[in-house]
Amino acid sequence: MNTHNSQLTHEQSHPPVTADQRQRCEVWTRVMGYHRPVSAFNVGKQSEHRERQFFSESAACRTMAG
């Protein structure tokens, strides 16, 4: 088995992506029971989306146990 490949870093095994190869990542979220792209939200809803805090079950359990 060739172990050389498993020791390569991500940068070594994947060439860098140039600016012209990049594309926008469309973010979707669930709103009022259905999924929509965030880019279709109005300005106020986009601002609200940026301010959201993500739930972490393990962090919540530590808070409740403490």
C-alpha atoms as a PDB file:
ATOM      1  CA  MET A   1       0.000   0.000   0.000  1.00  0.00           C
ATOM      2  CA  ASN A   2       1.310   3.421  -0.914  1.00  0.00           C
ATOM      3  CA  THR A   3       1.348   5.573   2.239  1.00  0.00           C
ATOM      4  CA  HIS A   4       2.722   8.630   0.445  1.00  0.00           C
ATOM      5  CA  ASN A   5      -0.735   9.738  -0.749  1.00  0.00           C
ATOM      6  CA  SER A   6      -2.248   9.567   2.729  1.00  0.00           C
ATOM      7  CA  GLN A   7       0.373  12.005   4.022  1.00  0.00           C
ATOM      8  CA  LEU A   8      -0.401  14.734   1.470  1.00  0.00           C
ATOM      9  CA  THR A   9      -2.010  17.891   2.775  1.00  0.00           C
ATOM     10  CA  HIS A  10      -5.177  19.261   1.208  1.00  0.00           C
ATOM     11  CA  GLU A  11      -3.152  21.975  -0.565  1.00  0.00           C
ATOM     12  CA  GLN A  12      -0.801  19.389  -2.043  1.00  0.00           C
ATOM     13  CA  SER A  13      -3.519  17.056  -3.257  1.00  0.00           C
ATOM     14  CA  HIS A  14      -5.891  19.765  -4.571  1.00  0.00           C
ATOM     15  CA  PRO A  15      -4.620  22.598  -6.757  1.00  0.00           C
ATOM     16  CA  PRO A  16      -5.740  26.079  -5.672  1.00  0.00           C
ATOM     17  CA  VAL A  17      -9.005  27.371  -7.112  1.00  0.00           C
ATOM     18  CA  THR A  18      -8.711  30.520  -9.195  1.00  0.00           C
ATOM     19  CA  ALA A  19     -11.159  33.412  -8.952  1.00  0.00           C
ATOM     20  CA  ASP A  20     -12.727  32.606 -12.340  1.00  0.00           C
ATOM     21  CA  GLN A  21     -13.363  28.990 -11.207  1.00  0.00           C
ATOM     22  CA  ARG A  22     -15.319  30.056  -8.102  1.00  0.00           C
ATOM     23  CA  GLN A  23     -19.103  30.279  -8.022  1.00  0.00           C
ATOM     24  CA  ARG A  24     -21.556  31.648  -5.496  1.00  0.00           C
ATOM     25  CA  CYS A  25     -22.911  29.194  -2.967  1.00  0.00           C
ATOM     26  CA  GLU A  26     -26.678  29.498  -2.703  1.00  0.00           C
ATOM     27  CA  VAL A  27     -27.863  29.152   0.889  1.00  0.00           C
ATOM     28  CA  TRP A  28     -31.369  27.795   1.488  1.00  0.00           C
ATOM     29  CA  THR A  29     -33.263  27.786   4.754  1.00  0.00           C
ATOM     30  CA  ARG A  30     -36.628  26.591   6.003  1.00  0.00           C
ATOM     31  CA  VAL A  31     -39.162  29.377   6.465  1.00  0.00           C
ATOM     32  CA  MET A  32     -42.819  28.894   7.376  1.00  0.00           C
ATOM     33  CA  GLY A  33     -42.755  25.196   6.516  1.00  0.00           C
ATOM     34  CA  TYR A  34     -40.970  25.314   3.169  1.00  0.00           C
ATOM     35  CA  HIS A  35     -37.433  25.868   1.873  1.00  0.00           C
ATOM     36  CA  ARG A  36     -36.370  29.083   0.145  1.00  0.00           C
ATOM     37  CA  PRO A  37     -33.056  30.569  -0.972  1.00  0.00           C
ATOM     38  CA  VAL A  38     -31.875  33.308   1.378  1.00  0.00           C
ATOM     39  CA  SER A  39     -31.099  35.466  -1.667  1.00  0.00           C
ATOM     40  CA  ALA A  40     -34.871  35.667  -2.339  1.00  0.00           C
ATOM     41  CA  PHE A  41     -35.560  37.170   1.103  1.00  0.00           C
ATOM     42  CA  ASN A  42     -36.282  40.856   1.526  1.00  0.00           C
ATOM     43  CA  VAL A  43     -33.632  43.041   3.214  1.00  0.00           C
ATOM     44  CA  GLY A  44     -35.157  42.683   6.691  1.00  0.00           C
ATOM     45  CA  LYS A  45     -35.426  38.890   6.521  1.00  0.00           C
ATOM     46  CA  GLN A  46     -31.834  38.610   5.210  1.00  0.00           C
ATOM     47  CA  SER A  47     -30.660  40.677   8.182  1.00  0.00           C
ATOM     48  CA  GLU A  48     -32.638  38.454  10.554  1.00  0.00           C
ATOM     49  CA  HIS A  49     -31.076  35.354   8.967  1.00  0.00           C
ATOM     50  CA  ARG A  50     -27.531  36.719   9.498  1.00  0.00           C
ATOM     51  CA  GLU A  51     -28.292  37.305  13.203  1.00  0.00           C
ATOM     52  CA  ARG A  52     -29.515  33.752  13.868  1.00  0.00           C
ATOM     53  CA  GLN A  53     -27.726  31.710  16.487  1.00  0.00           C
ATOM     54  CA  PHE A  54     -27.330  28.019  15.803  1.00  0.00           C
ATOM     55  CA  PHE A  55     -28.478  25.454  18.335  1.00  0.00           C
ATOM     56  CA  SER A  56     -25.953  22.961  19.679  1.00  0.00           C
ATOM     57  CA  GLU A  57     -27.508  20.108  21.628  1.00  0.00           C
ATOM     58  CA  SER A  58     -24.316  19.274  23.516  1.00  0.00           C
ATOM     59  CA  ALA A  59     -23.866  22.895  24.614  1.00  0.00           C
ATOM     60  CA  ALA A  60     -27.511  23.054  25.723  1.00  0.00           C
ATOM     61  CA  CYS A  61     -27.118  19.882  27.792  1.00  0.00           C
ATOM     62  CA  ARG A  62     -24.033  21.295  29.534  1.00  0.00           C
ATOM     63  CA  THR A  63     -25.930  24.507  30.349  1.00  0.00           C
ATOM     64  CA  MET A  64     -28.872  22.614  31.824  1.00  0.00           C
ATOM     65  CA  ALA A  65     -26.637  20.282  33.867  1.00  0.00           C
ATOM     66  CA  GLY A  66     -24.454  23.095  35.241  1.00  0.00           C
END
